[in-house]
Structure formats: C-alpha cells, structure tokens
Amino acid sequence: MLLIHCPYCQEERSELEFRGAGDAHIARPTDIASISDEEFEAYFFLRDNPKGLIFERWRHIHGCGRFFNAARDTVSDRFITTYKAGEPRPRIGAEAEQHQPVETYEALEGEAQ
C-alpha cells in the first residue's frame, strides 16, 4: 500500500483516501466556447503518458477533501513530493528524476534457466 503525504493535513495517509485527478499545471483555454473541436479534444482527452517523472493533481477525498499536486515516478510509483494547489511546480534535482530499477516478473523471466 502506498502512503501519500497530504500537504494540507500534514500527514501521510493510505492511498485509499485519495483519488487521482489528472495532470497538473495544464494550460486551460481562456474561452472554451471559441475553441475548435480539435483543440477541445486535445485539452480534454489527449495526455502524455511518460515513463518517469510526472506532475499530477490529487484529491484527499476521505480527509480534508482538498486538491493538491504531486510529483511521482511512474516506474516505481514513488511520490517524490506533494505540494498545495496553486503553488508553482517545484524544481526537482536530477537524482529525483532518475528512478531505481524495479524488479518485475517480465524482467526476471529472461533470467530463468
């Protein structure tokens, strides 16, 4: 089970108390009524799915109920940091962007004799 730090409650809680809410720091259209269908599709549905460091929005639904942002490694699923909504994206050093190798069944399968 993952423990996620809520920057508002100032404590780590079970992942079961939280829900992911998509990408953080998205440039939202200023006049949604005037964008094209392609721009609408890109804004609402198309997201990158990078391997490694990503910035996401989360909500502490079974706690304070507030939204916050998190930097997370998609390979190890490790939360690097969490910070309050509205705060700027933190600078994260190169050591945080690199993940430790994760042993998976698929990776170990090739080693079996």
N, C-alpha and C. Protein backbone atom coordinates (compact mmCIF):
# COMPACT_ATOMS: atom_id res chain seq x y z
N MET A 1 0.85 -1.17 0.00
CA MET A 1 0.00 0.00 0.00
C MET A 1 0.89 1.24 0.00
N LEU A 2 0.49 2.23 -0.77
CA LEU A 2 1.21 3.49 -0.82
C LEU A 2 0.74 4.40 0.31
N LEU A 3 1.68 5.18 0.82
CA LEU A 3 1.35 6.25 1.74
C LEU A 3 1.59 7.56 1.00
N ILE A 4 0.59 8.42 1.02
CA ILE A 4 0.66 9.70 0.32
C ILE A 4 0.58 10.81 1.35
N HIS A 5 1.50 11.77 1.23
CA HIS A 5 1.53 12.91 2.15
C HIS A 5 0.58 13.99 1.65
N CYS A 6 -0.39 14.35 2.50
CA CYS A 6 -1.30 15.45 2.17
C CYS A 6 -0.67 16.75 2.67
N PRO A 7 -0.40 17.71 1.78
CA PRO A 7 0.24 18.95 2.22
C PRO A 7 -0.66 19.84 3.08
N TYR A 8 -1.96 19.57 3.09
CA TYR A 8 -2.87 20.35 3.93
C TYR A 8 -3.03 19.73 5.31
N CYS A 9 -3.22 18.42 5.37
CA CYS A 9 -3.36 17.72 6.65
C CYS A 9 -2.01 17.54 7.34
N GLN A 10 -0.93 17.64 6.56
CA GLN A 10 0.43 17.48 7.07
C GLN A 10 0.68 16.09 7.67
N GLU A 11 0.16 15.06 6.97
CA GLU A 11 0.42 13.70 7.42
C GLU A 11 0.32 12.74 6.24
N GLU A 12 0.96 11.59 6.40
CA GLU A 12 0.88 10.55 5.38
C GLU A 12 -0.32 9.67 5.69
N ARG A 13 -1.08 9.39 4.64
CA ARG A 13 -2.29 8.58 4.78
C ARG A 13 -2.29 7.51 3.69
N SER A 14 -3.13 6.52 3.85
CA SER A 14 -3.25 5.42 2.89
C SER A 14 -3.72 5.93 1.54
N GLU A 15 -3.23 5.30 0.49
CA GLU A 15 -3.65 5.67 -0.86
C GLU A 15 -5.15 5.53 -1.05
N LEU A 16 -5.82 4.73 -0.23
CA LEU A 16 -7.26 4.53 -0.35
C LEU A 16 -8.05 5.80 -0.04
N GLU A 17 -7.41 6.77 0.62
CA GLU A 17 -8.08 8.03 0.95
C GLU A 17 -8.01 9.05 -0.19
N PHE A 18 -7.28 8.74 -1.25
CA PHE A 18 -7.01 9.71 -2.31
C PHE A 18 -7.55 9.24 -3.66
N ARG A 19 -7.75 10.19 -4.54
CA ARG A 19 -8.11 9.91 -5.93
C ARG A 19 -7.27 10.79 -6.83
N GLY A 20 -6.77 10.18 -7.89
CA GLY A 20 -6.03 10.95 -8.90
C GLY A 20 -6.99 11.82 -9.68
N ALA A 21 -6.52 12.99 -10.09
CA ALA A 21 -7.39 13.93 -10.82
C ALA A 21 -6.72 14.45 -12.08
N GLY A 22 -5.83 13.65 -12.66
CA GLY A 22 -5.23 14.02 -13.93
C GLY A 22 -3.94 14.79 -13.80
N ASP A 23 -3.53 15.35 -14.91
CA ASP A 23 -2.27 16.09 -14.97
C ASP A 23 -2.37 17.42 -14.22
N ALA A 24 -1.25 17.84 -13.65
CA ALA A 24 -1.17 19.15 -13.00
C ALA A 24 -0.57 20.15 -13.97
N HIS A 25 -0.78 21.40 -13.71
CA HIS A 25 -0.19 22.51 -14.46
C HIS A 25 -0.57 22.51 -15.94
N ILE A 26 -1.83 22.22 -16.22
CA ILE A 26 -2.34 22.22 -17.60
C ILE A 26 -2.78 23.63 -17.96
N ALA A 27 -2.41 24.08 -19.14
CA ALA A 27 -2.87 25.38 -19.63
C ALA A 27 -4.31 25.22 -20.11
N ARG A 28 -5.22 25.80 -19.39
CA ARG A 28 -6.63 25.68 -19.71
C ARG A 28 -7.05 26.78 -20.68
N PRO A 29 -7.96 26.48 -21.62
CA PRO A 29 -8.42 27.51 -22.56
C PRO A 29 -9.10 28.66 -21.83
N THR A 30 -8.83 29.87 -22.26
CA THR A 30 -9.46 31.04 -21.62
C THR A 30 -10.91 31.20 -22.04
N ASP A 31 -11.23 30.85 -23.30
CA ASP A 31 -12.61 30.95 -23.78
C ASP A 31 -12.98 29.60 -24.40
N ILE A 32 -13.47 28.70 -23.59
CA ILE A 32 -13.75 27.33 -24.02
C ILE A 32 -14.76 27.27 -25.16
N ALA A 33 -15.67 28.23 -25.23
CA ALA A 33 -16.70 28.24 -26.27
C ALA A 33 -16.15 28.53 -27.65
N SER A 34 -14.97 29.13 -27.73
CA SER A 34 -14.46 29.52 -29.04
C SER A 34 -13.39 28.58 -29.60
N ILE A 35 -13.05 27.51 -28.88
CA ILE A 35 -12.00 26.64 -29.40
C ILE A 35 -12.57 25.63 -30.41
N SER A 36 -11.72 25.14 -31.28
CA SER A 36 -12.15 24.18 -32.30
C SER A 36 -12.36 22.81 -31.67
N ASP A 37 -12.97 21.91 -32.43
CA ASP A 37 -13.17 20.54 -31.96
C ASP A 37 -11.84 19.86 -31.68
N GLU A 38 -10.84 20.12 -32.51
CA GLU A 38 -9.52 19.51 -32.33
C GLU A 38 -8.85 20.02 -31.05
N GLU A 39 -8.98 21.33 -30.78
CA GLU A 39 -8.43 21.90 -29.55
C GLU A 39 -9.17 21.37 -28.33
N PHE A 40 -10.48 21.20 -28.45
CA PHE A 40 -11.28 20.64 -27.36
C PHE A 40 -10.82 19.22 -27.06
N GLU A 41 -10.66 18.41 -28.10
CA GLU A 41 -10.20 17.03 -27.93
C GLU A 41 -8.82 16.99 -27.26
N ALA A 42 -7.90 17.83 -27.74
CA ALA A 42 -6.55 17.85 -27.18
C ALA A 42 -6.56 18.25 -25.71
N TYR A 43 -7.37 19.24 -25.35
CA TYR A 43 -7.42 19.70 -23.96
C TYR A 43 -8.04 18.66 -23.03
N PHE A 44 -9.18 18.07 -23.43
CA PHE A 44 -9.90 17.18 -22.53
C PHE A 44 -9.45 15.72 -22.55
N PHE A 45 -8.93 15.24 -23.67
CA PHE A 45 -8.71 13.81 -23.78
C PHE A 45 -7.27 13.37 -24.02
N LEU A 46 -6.46 14.18 -24.68
CA LEU A 46 -5.12 13.73 -25.06
C LEU A 46 -4.10 14.15 -24.02
N ARG A 47 -3.45 13.16 -23.43
CA ARG A 47 -2.44 13.40 -22.41
C ARG A 47 -1.21 12.56 -22.71
N ASP A 48 -0.05 13.09 -22.34
CA ASP A 48 1.18 12.31 -22.44
C ASP A 48 1.17 11.26 -21.33
N ASN A 49 1.84 10.18 -21.57
CA ASN A 49 1.97 9.13 -20.56
C ASN A 49 3.45 8.77 -20.47
N PRO A 50 4.27 9.70 -19.94
CA PRO A 50 5.71 9.48 -19.95
C PRO A 50 6.15 8.45 -18.93
N LYS A 51 7.28 7.87 -19.18
CA LYS A 51 7.91 6.96 -18.24
C LYS A 51 8.85 7.80 -17.39
N GLY A 52 8.64 7.82 -16.10
CA GLY A 52 9.49 8.61 -15.22
C GLY A 52 8.70 9.67 -14.47
N LEU A 53 9.29 10.84 -14.32
CA LEU A 53 8.72 11.90 -13.50
C LEU A 53 7.52 12.56 -14.18
N ILE A 54 6.41 12.64 -13.42
CA ILE A 54 5.22 13.35 -13.89
C ILE A 54 4.67 14.20 -12.74
N PHE A 55 3.88 15.21 -13.10
CA PHE A 55 3.22 16.07 -12.12
C PHE A 55 1.72 15.85 -12.27
N GLU A 56 1.06 15.52 -11.17
CA GLU A 56 -0.35 15.16 -11.19
C GLU A 56 -1.13 15.95 -10.14
N ARG A 57 -2.46 16.02 -10.34
CA ARG A 57 -3.37 16.56 -9.33
C ARG A 57 -3.96 15.37 -8.59
N TRP A 58 -4.12 15.53 -7.30
CA TRP A 58 -4.73 14.51 -6.45
C TRP A 58 -5.74 15.19 -5.53
N ARG A 59 -6.68 14.40 -5.02
CA ARG A 59 -7.66 14.93 -4.06
C ARG A 59 -7.73 14.00 -2.87
N HIS A 60 -7.69 14.58 -1.69
CA HIS A 60 -7.78 13.82 -0.44
C HIS A 60 -9.26 13.68 -0.09
N ILE A 61 -9.95 12.77 -0.77
CA ILE A 61 -11.41 12.70 -0.67
C ILE A 61 -11.92 12.20 0.68
N HIS A 62 -11.15 11.34 1.36
CA HIS A 62 -11.59 10.83 2.66
C HIS A 62 -10.82 11.50 3.78
N GLY A 63 -10.44 12.74 3.56
CA GLY A 63 -9.72 13.52 4.56
C GLY A 63 -10.22 14.95 4.48
N CYS A 64 -9.33 15.86 4.14
CA CYS A 64 -9.69 17.28 4.07
C CYS A 64 -10.51 17.62 2.83
N GLY A 65 -10.50 16.75 1.82
CA GLY A 65 -11.28 16.99 0.60
C GLY A 65 -10.63 17.95 -0.38
N ARG A 66 -9.42 18.37 -0.11
CA ARG A 66 -8.78 19.38 -0.94
C ARG A 66 -7.92 18.77 -2.04
N PHE A 67 -7.77 19.55 -3.14
CA PHE A 67 -6.89 19.16 -4.23
C PHE A 67 -5.47 19.61 -3.92
N PHE A 68 -4.50 18.81 -4.37
CA PHE A 68 -3.10 19.17 -4.26
C PHE A 68 -2.36 18.57 -5.44
N ASN A 69 -1.11 18.94 -5.61
CA ASN A 69 -0.29 18.43 -6.70
C ASN A 69 0.79 17.50 -6.15
N ALA A 70 1.24 16.60 -7.00
CA ALA A 70 2.28 15.66 -6.60
C ALA A 70 3.23 15.40 -7.77
N ALA A 71 4.49 15.22 -7.45
CA ALA A 71 5.47 14.75 -8.42
C ALA A 71 5.66 13.27 -8.12
N ARG A 72 5.50 12.43 -9.14
CA ARG A 72 5.54 10.98 -8.93
C ARG A 72 6.34 10.32 -10.04
N ASP A 73 7.05 9.27 -9.70
CA ASP A 73 7.79 8.46 -10.67
C ASP A 73 6.86 7.35 -11.14
N THR A 74 6.54 7.32 -12.43
CA THR A 74 5.58 6.34 -12.95
C THR A 74 6.14 4.92 -13.00
N VAL A 75 7.45 4.76 -12.93
CA VAL A 75 8.04 3.43 -12.96
C VAL A 75 7.97 2.77 -11.59
N SER A 76 8.44 3.49 -10.57
CA SER A 76 8.46 2.92 -9.22
C SER A 76 7.18 3.24 -8.45
N ASP A 77 6.35 4.14 -8.96
CA ASP A 77 5.12 4.62 -8.33
C ASP A 77 5.42 5.37 -7.03
N ARG A 78 6.65 5.86 -6.88
CA ARG A 78 7.08 6.58 -5.70
C ARG A 78 6.69 8.05 -5.82
N PHE A 79 6.08 8.59 -4.76
CA PHE A 79 5.77 10.01 -4.70
C PHE A 79 7.03 10.73 -4.26
N ILE A 80 7.52 11.65 -5.08
CA ILE A 80 8.74 12.37 -4.78
C ILE A 80 8.43 13.54 -3.85
N THR A 81 7.37 14.27 -4.14
CA THR A 81 6.93 15.36 -3.28
C THR A 81 5.47 15.66 -3.56
N THR A 82 4.82 16.27 -2.59
CA THR A 82 3.46 16.79 -2.77
C THR A 82 3.48 18.25 -2.35
N TYR A 83 2.60 19.05 -2.95
CA TYR A 83 2.55 20.48 -2.65
C TYR A 83 1.15 21.00 -2.91
N LYS A 84 0.83 22.10 -2.25
CA LYS A 84 -0.52 22.66 -2.31
C LYS A 84 -0.89 23.14 -3.71
N ALA A 85 -2.16 23.02 -4.05
CA ALA A 85 -2.66 23.52 -5.33
C ALA A 85 -2.41 25.02 -5.41
N GLY A 86 -2.04 25.49 -6.58
CA GLY A 86 -1.76 26.90 -6.77
C GLY A 86 -0.30 27.26 -6.59
N GLU A 87 0.46 26.38 -5.93
CA GLU A 87 1.89 26.63 -5.79
C GLU A 87 2.59 26.28 -7.09
N PRO A 88 3.70 26.94 -7.41
CA PRO A 88 4.41 26.63 -8.65
C PRO A 88 5.01 25.23 -8.62
N ARG A 89 5.23 24.70 -9.79
CA ARG A 89 5.86 23.38 -9.93
C ARG A 89 7.26 23.45 -9.29
N PRO A 90 7.57 22.53 -8.38
CA PRO A 90 8.89 22.57 -7.74
C PRO A 90 9.99 22.10 -8.69
N ARG A 91 11.17 22.62 -8.47
CA ARG A 91 12.32 22.13 -9.22
C ARG A 91 12.80 20.88 -8.52
N ILE A 92 12.95 19.84 -9.28
CA ILE A 92 13.38 18.57 -8.72
C ILE A 92 14.69 18.21 -9.36
N GLY A 93 15.66 17.89 -8.52
CA GLY A 93 17.01 17.59 -8.99
C GLY A 93 17.08 16.35 -9.85
N ALA A 94 18.18 16.21 -10.56
CA ALA A 94 18.39 15.08 -11.47
C ALA A 94 18.32 13.76 -10.73
N GLU A 95 18.74 13.72 -9.46
CA GLU A 95 18.71 12.47 -8.71
C GLU A 95 17.28 12.00 -8.48
N ALA A 96 16.32 12.92 -8.37
CA ALA A 96 14.93 12.55 -8.18
C ALA A 96 14.29 12.10 -9.48
N GLU A 97 14.76 12.64 -10.61
CA GLU A 97 14.17 12.28 -11.89
C GLU A 97 14.57 10.88 -12.33
N GLN A 98 15.70 10.40 -11.85
CA GLN A 98 16.13 9.06 -12.22
C GLN A 98 15.56 8.07 -11.22
N HIS A 99 15.00 7.01 -11.72
CA HIS A 99 14.40 6.03 -10.84
C HIS A 99 15.33 4.85 -10.63
N GLN A 100 15.11 4.17 -9.55
CA GLN A 100 15.83 2.95 -9.29
C GLN A 100 15.19 1.84 -10.12
N PRO A 101 15.99 0.88 -10.61
CA PRO A 101 15.40 -0.22 -11.36
C PRO A 101 14.37 -0.97 -10.52
N VAL A 102 13.28 -1.32 -11.14
CA VAL A 102 12.23 -2.05 -10.46
C VAL A 102 12.22 -3.47 -10.98
N GLU A 103 12.29 -4.44 -10.07
CA GLU A 103 12.25 -5.83 -10.49
C GLU A 103 10.81 -6.19 -10.81
N THR A 104 10.60 -6.65 -12.01
CA THR A 104 9.27 -7.09 -12.42
C THR A 104 9.35 -8.54 -12.87
N TYR A 105 8.23 -9.17 -12.91
CA TYR A 105 8.19 -10.55 -13.36
C TYR A 105 8.74 -10.67 -14.78
N GLU A 106 8.36 -9.71 -15.64
CA GLU A 106 8.81 -9.76 -17.03
C GLU A 106 10.32 -9.62 -17.13
N ALA A 107 10.92 -8.76 -16.30
CA ALA A 107 12.38 -8.58 -16.34
C ALA A 107 13.09 -9.81 -15.83
N LEU A 108 12.55 -10.45 -14.82
CA LEU A 108 13.20 -11.63 -14.25
C LEU A 108 12.97 -12.88 -15.08
N GLU A 109 11.93 -12.88 -15.89
CA GLU A 109 11.59 -14.05 -16.68
C GLU A 109 12.70 -14.45 -17.63
N GLY A 110 13.42 -13.48 -18.18
CA GLY A 110 14.52 -13.76 -19.11
C GLY A 110 15.72 -14.39 -18.42
N GLU A 111 15.83 -14.23 -17.09
CA GLU A 111 16.94 -14.78 -16.34
C GLU A 111 16.72 -16.21 -15.92
N ALA A 112 15.47 -16.70 -16.02
CA ALA A 112 15.17 -18.07 -15.58
C ALA A 112 15.87 -19.09 -16.48
N GLN A 113 16.37 -20.12 -15.88
CA GLN A 113 17.05 -21.19 -16.62
C GLN A 113 16.22 -22.45 -16.59
